[in-house]
C-alpha atoms as a PDB file:
ATOM      1  CA  UNK A   1    -122.094 156.587 -45.430  1.00  0.00           C
ATOM      2  CA  UNK A   2    -120.095 153.558 -46.554  1.00  0.00           C
ATOM      3  CA  UNK A   3    -120.016 149.774 -46.583  1.00  0.00           C
ATOM      4  CA  UNK A   4    -116.257 149.868 -45.998  1.00  0.00           C
ATOM      5  CA  UNK A   5    -114.908 148.752 -42.617  1.00  0.00           C
ATOM      6  CA  UNK A   6    -114.376 151.570 -40.127  1.00  0.00           C
ATOM      7  CA  UNK A   7    -110.579 151.350 -40.225  1.00  0.00           C
ATOM      8  CA  UNK A   8    -110.654 151.918 -44.009  1.00  0.00           C
ATOM      9  CA  UNK A   9    -112.446 155.256 -43.722  1.00  0.00           C
ATOM     10  CA  UNK A  10    -109.492 157.579 -44.125  1.00  0.00           C
ATOM     11  CA  UNK A  11    -109.932 161.315 -44.680  1.00  0.00           C
ATOM     12  CA  UNK A  12    -109.440 160.811 -48.424  1.00  0.00           C
ATOM     13  CA  UNK A  13    -111.924 157.937 -48.566  1.00  0.00           C
ATOM     14  CA  UNK A  14    -114.678 159.772 -46.702  1.00  0.00           C
ATOM     15  CA  UNK A  15    -114.372 162.920 -48.832  1.00  0.00           C
ATOM     16  CA  UNK A  16    -114.188 160.930 -52.087  1.00  0.00           C
ATOM     17  CA  UNK A  17    -117.227 158.803 -51.230  1.00  0.00           C
ATOM     18  CA  UNK A  18    -119.223 161.828 -50.117  1.00  0.00           C
ATOM     19  CA  UNK A  19    -118.406 163.820 -53.252  1.00  0.00           C
ATOM     20  CA  UNK A  20    -119.059 160.955 -55.658  1.00  0.00           C
ATOM     21  CA  UNK A  21    -122.327 160.212 -53.859  1.00  0.00           C
ATOM     22  CA  UNK A  22    -123.283 163.891 -54.059  1.00  0.00           C
ATOM     23  CA  UNK A  23    -122.677 163.919 -57.809  1.00  0.00           C
ATOM     24  CA  UNK A  24    -124.258 160.500 -58.270  1.00  0.00           C
ATOM     25  CA  UNK A  25    -121.571 159.474 -60.742  1.00  0.00           C
ATOM     26  CA  UNK A  26    -117.967 158.354 -60.911  1.00  0.00           C
ATOM     27  CA  UNK A  27    -115.882 155.691 -59.248  1.00  0.00           C
ATOM     28  CA  UNK A  28    -112.821 157.594 -58.030  1.00  0.00           C
ATOM     29  CA  UNK A  29    -111.207 161.012 -57.856  1.00  0.00           C
ATOM     30  CA  UNK A  30    -108.614 162.169 -60.364  1.00  0.00           C
ATOM     31  CA  UNK A  31    -104.979 162.567 -59.193  1.00  0.00           C
ATOM     32  CA  UNK A  32    -105.419 166.357 -59.112  1.00  0.00           C
ATOM     33  CA  UNK A  33    -108.563 166.080 -56.990  1.00  0.00           C
ATOM     34  CA  UNK A  34    -106.826 163.626 -54.651  1.00  0.00           C
ATOM     35  CA  UNK A  35    -104.023 166.134 -54.142  1.00  0.00           C
ATOM     36  CA  UNK A  36    -106.571 168.865 -53.346  1.00  0.00           C
ATOM     37  CA  UNK A  37    -108.173 166.645 -50.689  1.00  0.00           C
ATOM     38  CA  UNK A  38    -104.707 165.893 -49.281  1.00  0.00           C
ATOM     39  CA  UNK A  39    -104.031 169.650 -49.078  1.00  0.00           C
ATOM     40  CA  UNK A  40    -107.278 170.136 -47.120  1.00  0.00           C
ATOM     41  CA  UNK A  41    -106.220 167.409 -44.728  1.00  0.00           C
ATOM     42  CA  UNK A  42    -102.792 169.009 -44.232  1.00  0.00           C
ATOM     43  CA  UNK A  43    -104.486 172.349 -43.484  1.00  0.00           C
ATOM     44  CA  UNK A  44    -106.430 170.656 -40.715  1.00  0.00           C
ATOM     45  CA  UNK A  45    -109.875 171.248 -42.260  1.00  0.00           C
ATOM     46  CA  UNK A  46    -112.295 168.866 -40.493  1.00  0.00           C
ATOM     47  CA  UNK A  47    -113.857 166.360 -42.847  1.00  0.00           C
ATOM     48  CA  UNK A  48    -117.345 167.504 -41.795  1.00  0.00           C
ATOM     49  CA  UNK A  49    -116.481 171.054 -42.910  1.00  0.00           C
ATOM     50  CA  UNK A  50    -115.283 169.745 -46.271  1.00  0.00           C
ATOM     51  CA  UNK A  51    -118.508 167.787 -46.781  1.00  0.00           C
ATOM     52  CA  UNK A  52    -120.690 170.761 -45.852  1.00  0.00           C
ATOM     53  CA  UNK A  53    -118.744 172.956 -48.250  1.00  0.00           C
ATOM     54  CA  UNK A  54    -119.080 170.450 -51.077  1.00  0.00           C
ATOM     55  CA  UNK A  55    -122.805 170.206 -50.457  1.00  0.00           C
ATOM     56  CA  UNK A  56    -123.203 173.997 -50.483  1.00  0.00           C
ATOM     57  CA  UNK A  57    -121.161 174.328 -53.697  1.00  0.00           C
ATOM     58  CA  UNK A  58    -123.147 171.547 -55.337  1.00  0.00           C
ATOM     59  CA  UNK A  59    -126.413 173.353 -54.559  1.00  0.00           C
ATOM     60  CA  UNK A  60    -125.038 176.708 -55.773  1.00  0.00           C
ATOM     61  CA  UNK A  61    -123.766 175.251 -59.053  1.00  0.00           C
ATOM     62  CA  UNK A  62    -127.056 173.405 -59.603  1.00  0.00           C
ATOM     63  CA  UNK A  63    -128.954 176.687 -59.235  1.00  0.00           C
ATOM     64  CA  UNK A  64    -126.727 178.358 -61.836  1.00  0.00           C
ATOM     65  CA  UNK A  65    -126.772 175.573 -64.446  1.00  0.00           C
ATOM     66  CA  UNK A  66    -129.034 175.569 -67.454  1.00  0.00           C
ATOM     67  CA  UNK A  67    -131.701 172.844 -67.305  1.00  0.00           C
ATOM     68  CA  UNK A  68    -130.342 169.505 -68.457  1.00  0.00           C
ATOM     69  CA  UNK A  69    -126.681 170.551 -68.391  1.00  0.00           C
ATOM     70  CA  UNK A  70    -124.333 168.222 -66.476  1.00  0.00           C
ATOM     71  CA  UNK A  71    -122.711 169.113 -63.176  1.00  0.00           C
ATOM     72  CA  UNK A  72    -118.932 169.710 -63.166  1.00  0.00           C
ATOM     73  CA  UNK A  73    -117.076 166.419 -62.827  1.00  0.00           C
ATOM     74  CA  UNK A  74    -113.959 167.660 -61.053  1.00  0.00           C
ATOM     75  CA  UNK A  75    -113.987 168.180 -57.308  1.00  0.00           C
ATOM     76  CA  UNK A  76    -111.838 171.276 -57.921  1.00  0.00           C
ATOM     77  CA  UNK A  77    -114.896 173.029 -59.336  1.00  0.00           C
ATOM     78  CA  UNK A  78    -116.494 172.796 -55.876  1.00  0.00           C
ATOM     79  CA  UNK A  79    -113.537 174.058 -53.854  1.00  0.00           C
ATOM     80  CA  UNK A  80    -115.056 177.538 -53.369  1.00  0.00           C
ATOM     81  CA  UNK A  81    -117.738 175.994 -51.150  1.00  0.00           C
ATOM     82  CA  UNK A  82    -115.128 174.328 -48.963  1.00  0.00           C
ATOM     83  CA  UNK A  83    -113.140 177.550 -48.686  1.00  0.00           C
ATOM     84  CA  UNK A  84    -116.237 179.501 -47.659  1.00  0.00           C
ATOM     85  CA  UNK A  85    -117.269 176.869 -45.141  1.00  0.00           C
ATOM     86  CA  UNK A  86    -113.739 176.740 -43.710  1.00  0.00           C
ATOM     87  CA  UNK A  87    -113.635 180.523 -43.287  1.00  0.00           C
ATOM     88  CA  UNK A  88    -117.030 180.459 -41.558  1.00  0.00           C
ATOM     89  CA  UNK A  89    -115.890 177.614 -39.310  1.00  0.00           C
ATOM     90  CA  UNK A  90    -112.698 179.384 -38.239  1.00  0.00           C
ATOM     91  CA  UNK A  91    -114.447 182.680 -37.503  1.00  0.00           C
ATOM     92  CA  UNK A  92    -117.493 181.183 -35.834  1.00  0.00           C
ATOM     93  CA  UNK A  93    -116.092 178.164 -34.008  1.00  0.00           C
ATOM     94  CA  UNK A  94    -117.362 177.839 -30.436  1.00  0.00           C
ATOM     95  CA  UNK A  95    -116.902 175.355 -27.625  1.00  0.00           C
ATOM     96  CA  UNK A  96    -113.771 173.659 -26.362  1.00  0.00           C
ATOM     97  CA  UNK A  97    -112.510 172.082 -29.588  1.00  0.00           C
ATOM     98  CA  UNK A  98    -108.787 172.785 -29.966  1.00  0.00           C
ATOM     99  CA  UNK A  99    -107.850 174.999 -32.904  1.00  0.00           C
ATOM    100  CA  UNK A 100    -105.876 173.550 -35.794  1.00  0.00           C
ATOM    101  CA  UNK A 101    -102.087 173.924 -35.479  1.00  0.00           C
ATOM    102  CA  UNK A 102    -100.630 177.273 -36.566  1.00  0.00           C
ATOM    103  CA  UNK A 103     -99.713 177.311 -40.233  1.00  0.00           C
ATOM    104  CA  UNK A 104     -95.983 177.840 -39.649  1.00  0.00           C
ATOM    105  CA  UNK A 105     -95.830 174.869 -37.267  1.00  0.00           C
ATOM    106  CA  UNK A 106     -97.693 172.640 -39.712  1.00  0.00           C
ATOM    107  CA  UNK A 107     -95.432 173.814 -42.539  1.00  0.00           C
ATOM    108  CA  UNK A 108     -92.265 173.086 -40.549  1.00  0.00           C
ATOM    109  CA  UNK A 109     -93.578 169.635 -39.615  1.00  0.00           C
ATOM    110  CA  UNK A 110     -94.174 168.796 -43.268  1.00  0.00           C
ATOM    111  CA  UNK A 111     -90.718 170.059 -44.230  1.00  0.00           C
ATOM    112  CA  UNK A 112     -89.149 167.820 -41.590  1.00  0.00           C
ATOM    113  CA  UNK A 113     -91.170 164.868 -42.873  1.00  0.00           C
ATOM    114  CA  UNK A 114     -90.043 165.641 -46.442  1.00  0.00           C
ATOM    115  CA  UNK A 115     -86.363 165.781 -45.426  1.00  0.00           C
ATOM    116  CA  UNK A 116     -86.663 162.541 -43.475  1.00  0.00           C
ATOM    117  CA  UNK A 117     -88.347 160.806 -46.412  1.00  0.00           C
ATOM    118  CA  UNK A 118     -85.651 161.876 -48.889  1.00  0.00           C
ATOM    119  CA  UNK A 119     -82.853 160.840 -46.508  1.00  0.00           C
ATOM    120  CA  UNK A 120     -84.445 157.476 -45.851  1.00  0.00           C
ATOM    121  CA  UNK A 121     -85.057 156.727 -49.524  1.00  0.00           C
ATOM    122  CA  UNK A 122     -81.605 157.969 -50.514  1.00  0.00           C
ATOM    123  CA  UNK A 123     -79.885 155.708 -48.018  1.00  0.00           C
ATOM    124  CA  UNK A 124     -81.822 152.726 -49.339  1.00  0.00           C
ATOM    125  CA  UNK A 125     -80.915 153.413 -52.985  1.00  0.00           C
ATOM    126  CA  UNK A 126     -77.811 153.266 -55.104  1.00  0.00           C
ATOM    127  CA  UNK A 127     -76.555 154.408 -58.483  1.00  0.00           C
ATOM    128  CA  UNK A 128     -78.857 156.611 -60.546  1.00  0.00           C
ATOM    129  CA  UNK A 129     -81.712 156.308 -58.083  1.00  0.00           C
ATOM    130  CA  UNK A 130     -79.593 157.552 -55.190  1.00  0.00           C
ATOM    131  CA  UNK A 131     -78.457 160.510 -57.273  1.00  0.00           C
ATOM    132  CA  UNK A 132     -82.121 161.201 -58.059  1.00  0.00           C
ATOM    133  CA  UNK A 133     -82.878 161.571 -54.359  1.00  0.00           C
ATOM    134  CA  UNK A 134     -79.892 163.895 -53.998  1.00  0.00           C
ATOM    135  CA  UNK A 135     -81.312 166.062 -56.786  1.00  0.00           C
ATOM    136  CA  UNK A 136     -84.679 166.073 -55.043  1.00  0.00           C
ATOM    137  CA  UNK A 137     -82.983 167.051 -51.756  1.00  0.00           C
ATOM    138  CA  UNK A 138     -81.225 169.973 -53.447  1.00  0.00           C
ATOM    139  CA  UNK A 139     -84.473 171.146 -55.038  1.00  0.00           C
ATOM    140  CA  UNK A 140     -86.248 170.966 -51.679  1.00  0.00           C
ATOM    141  CA  UNK A 141     -83.445 172.875 -49.954  1.00  0.00           C
ATOM    142  CA  UNK A 142     -83.424 175.605 -52.631  1.00  0.00           C
ATOM    143  CA  UNK A 143     -87.191 176.085 -52.399  1.00  0.00           C
ATOM    144  CA  UNK A 144     -87.005 176.084 -48.601  1.00  0.00           C
ATOM    145  CA  UNK A 145     -84.300 178.766 -48.642  1.00  0.00           C
ATOM    146  CA  UNK A 146     -86.403 180.907 -50.975  1.00  0.00           C
ATOM    147  CA  UNK A 147     -89.270 180.832 -48.444  1.00  0.00           C
ATOM    148  CA  UNK A 148     -87.271 182.514 -45.733  1.00  0.00           C
ATOM    149  CA  UNK A 149     -87.527 182.012 -41.987  1.00  0.00           C
ATOM    150  CA  UNK A 150     -91.305 181.623 -41.759  1.00  0.00           C
ATOM    151  CA  UNK A 151     -92.511 178.769 -43.973  1.00  0.00           C
ATOM    152  CA  UNK A 152     -96.091 178.631 -45.214  1.00  0.00           C
ATOM    153  CA  UNK A 153     -98.125 175.630 -46.292  1.00  0.00           C
ATOM    154  CA  UNK A 154     -98.312 176.970 -49.848  1.00  0.00           C
ATOM    155  CA  UNK A 155     -94.545 177.497 -49.843  1.00  0.00           C
ATOM    156  CA  UNK A 156     -93.917 173.983 -48.564  1.00  0.00           C
ATOM    157  CA  UNK A 157     -96.278 172.619 -51.221  1.00  0.00           C
ATOM    158  CA  UNK A 158     -94.190 174.420 -53.862  1.00  0.00           C
ATOM    159  CA  UNK A 159     -91.007 172.994 -52.328  1.00  0.00           C
ATOM    160  CA  UNK A 160     -92.440 169.467 -52.363  1.00  0.00           C
ATOM    161  CA  UNK A 161     -93.498 169.955 -55.984  1.00  0.00           C
ATOM    162  CA  UNK A 162     -89.991 171.149 -56.935  1.00  0.00           C
ATOM    163  CA  UNK A 163     -88.423 168.100 -55.270  1.00  0.00           C
ATOM    164  CA  UNK A 164     -90.819 165.723 -56.990  1.00  0.00           C
ATOM    165  CA  UNK A 165     -90.183 167.360 -60.369  1.00  0.00           C
ATOM    166  CA  UNK A 166     -86.447 166.856 -59.842  1.00  0.00           C
ATOM    167  CA  UNK A 167     -87.096 163.219 -58.976  1.00  0.00           C
ATOM    168  CA  UNK A 168     -89.211 162.712 -62.104  1.00  0.00           C
ATOM    169  CA  UNK A 169     -86.557 164.322 -64.300  1.00  0.00           C
ATOM    170  CA  UNK A 170     -83.941 162.010 -62.836  1.00  0.00           C
ATOM    171  CA  UNK A 171     -86.193 158.996 -63.388  1.00  0.00           C
ATOM    172  CA  UNK A 172     -86.741 159.880 -67.058  1.00  0.00           C
ATOM    173  CA  UNK A 173     -83.066 160.633 -67.692  1.00  0.00           C
ATOM    174  CA  UNK A 174     -82.018 157.307 -66.133  1.00  0.00           C
ATOM    175  CA  UNK A 175     -84.210 155.283 -68.513  1.00  0.00           C
ATOM    176  CA  UNK A 176     -82.498 153.464 -71.387  1.00  0.00           C
ATOM    177  CA  UNK A 177     -82.882 155.471 -74.577  1.00  0.00           C
ATOM    178  CA  UNK A 178     -85.524 153.180 -76.193  1.00  0.00           C
ATOM    179  CA  UNK A 179     -87.667 153.244 -73.026  1.00  0.00           C
ATOM    180  CA  UNK A 180     -87.314 157.010 -72.750  1.00  0.00           C
ATOM    181  CA  UNK A 181     -88.389 157.459 -76.364  1.00  0.00           C
ATOM    182  CA  UNK A 182     -91.445 155.270 -75.788  1.00  0.00           C
ATOM    183  CA  UNK A 183     -92.427 156.886 -72.476  1.00  0.00           C
ATOM    184  CA  UNK A 184     -94.611 159.601 -74.007  1.00  0.00           C
ATOM    185  CA  UNK A 185     -96.717 157.136 -75.973  1.00  0.00           C
ATOM    186  CA  UNK A 186     -96.948 154.861 -72.932  1.00  0.00           C
ATOM    187  CA  UNK A 187     -98.211 157.688 -70.735  1.00  0.00           C
ATOM    188  CA  UNK A 188    -100.727 158.943 -73.290  1.00  0.00           C
ATOM    189  CA  UNK A 189    -102.040 155.411 -73.701  1.00  0.00           C
ATOM    190  CA  UNK A 190    -102.551 155.174 -69.941  1.00  0.00           C
ATOM    191  CA  UNK A 191    -104.255 158.533 -69.734  1.00  0.00           C
ATOM    192  CA  UNK A 192    -106.520 158.066 -72.752  1.00  0.00           C
ATOM    193  CA  UNK A 193    -107.646 161.010 -74.849  1.00  0.00           C
ATOM    194  CA  UNK A 194    -107.966 164.490 -73.361  1.00  0.00           C
ATOM    195  CA  UNK A 195    -111.614 165.200 -72.485  1.00  0.00           C
ATOM    196  CA  UNK A 196    -112.951 168.260 -74.300  1.00  0.00           C
ATOM    197  CA  UNK A 197    -113.825 169.988 -71.033  1.00  0.00           C
ATOM    198  CA  UNK A 198    -110.298 169.536 -69.623  1.00  0.00           C
ATOM    199  CA  UNK A 199    -107.929 172.508 -69.915  1.00  0.00           C
ATOM    200  CA  UNK A 200    -104.443 172.045 -71.336  1.00  0.00           C
ATOM    201  CA  UNK A 201    -102.937 172.835 -67.957  1.00  0.00           C
ATOM    202  CA  UNK A 202    -105.069 170.237 -66.178  1.00  0.00           C
ATOM    203  CA  UNK A 203    -104.248 167.707 -68.893  1.00  0.00           C
ATOM    204  CA  UNK A 204    -100.515 168.319 -68.449  1.00  0.00           C
ATOM    205  CA  UNK A 205    -100.920 167.725 -64.731  1.00  0.00           C
ATOM    206  CA  UNK A 206    -102.773 164.502 -65.458  1.00  0.00           C
ATOM    207  CA  UNK A 207     -99.983 163.291 -67.732  1.00  0.00           C
ATOM    208  CA  UNK A 208     -97.413 164.268 -65.114  1.00  0.00           C
ATOM    209  CA  UNK A 209     -99.345 162.233 -62.551  1.00  0.00           C
ATOM    210  CA  UNK A 210     -99.077 159.202 -64.837  1.00  0.00           C
ATOM    211  CA  UNK A 211     -95.316 159.789 -65.160  1.00  0.00           C
ATOM    212  CA  UNK A 212     -95.174 159.877 -61.357  1.00  0.00           C
ATOM    213  CA  UNK A 213     -97.032 156.564 -61.269  1.00  0.00           C
ATOM    214  CA  UNK A 214     -94.486 155.063 -63.661  1.00  0.00           C
ATOM    215  CA  UNK A 215     -91.642 156.390 -61.502  1.00  0.00           C
ATOM    216  CA  UNK A 216     -93.328 154.965 -58.408  1.00  0.00           C
ATOM    217  CA  UNK A 217     -93.585 151.552 -60.080  1.00  0.00           C
ATOM    218  CA  UNK A 218     -89.848 151.760 -60.796  1.00  0.00           C
ATOM    219  CA  UNK A 219     -89.127 152.445 -57.117  1.00  0.00           C
ATOM    220  CA  UNK A 220     -88.833 156.240 -57.165  1.00  0.00           C
ATOM    221  CA  UNK A 221     -91.090 157.185 -54.266  1.00  0.00           C
ATOM    222  CA  UNK A 222     -91.884 160.903 -54.356  1.00  0.00           C
ATOM    223  CA  UNK A 223     -92.957 163.236 -51.574  1.00  0.00           C
ATOM    224  CA  UNK A 224     -96.572 163.761 -52.633  1.00  0.00           C
ATOM    225  CA  UNK A 225     -98.631 161.055 -51.045  1.00  0.00           C
ATOM    226  CA  UNK A 226     -95.718 160.172 -48.726  1.00  0.00           C
ATOM    227  CA  UNK A 227     -95.501 163.227 -46.452  1.00  0.00           C
END
């Protein structure tokens, strides 16, 4: 499947290479598509199931398209195939393969990893950056409390997102005023123009991903991609 060395074939790499090869175009996944693949990995969906689902969705979309029209570029447009394949796999799995961990256990494990990450980064920071990790901790705790006693993966994802948003807000607010004023133009320059086929919501998420990249470069390491 790839010319990369075996130890470089992570879950993300295999899915990205398979999807881009299936489409026959593109060099890398968008930040939103990368997060979707990461969510599949956290759910415990085997990579073979993901690839079969992408293939099935690709065939279904090709059958529905008008002749000569391009295939959807975003992996998110193919997610229905993965969901269907995953449901079929869970209900029809045979043999001695162990089942994926229960959702609540996986959710608790990710929460623990998120807490540990924020504590570790907070201890290694000072000043405004340390306060940023405190804000992220409070946001995570508030979202966790709202979930109740039985966490879900979707609830934990929302908690992680709330913590990262708090971290990004703190990063922006800590910038000197001239840098803060120039941040919007800097991010739009990085992102380029909004493609006509991209919704406003998806475009906002893309811009937010570029803000997260800028925060990461400044040393603010968020939870997404870390836990």
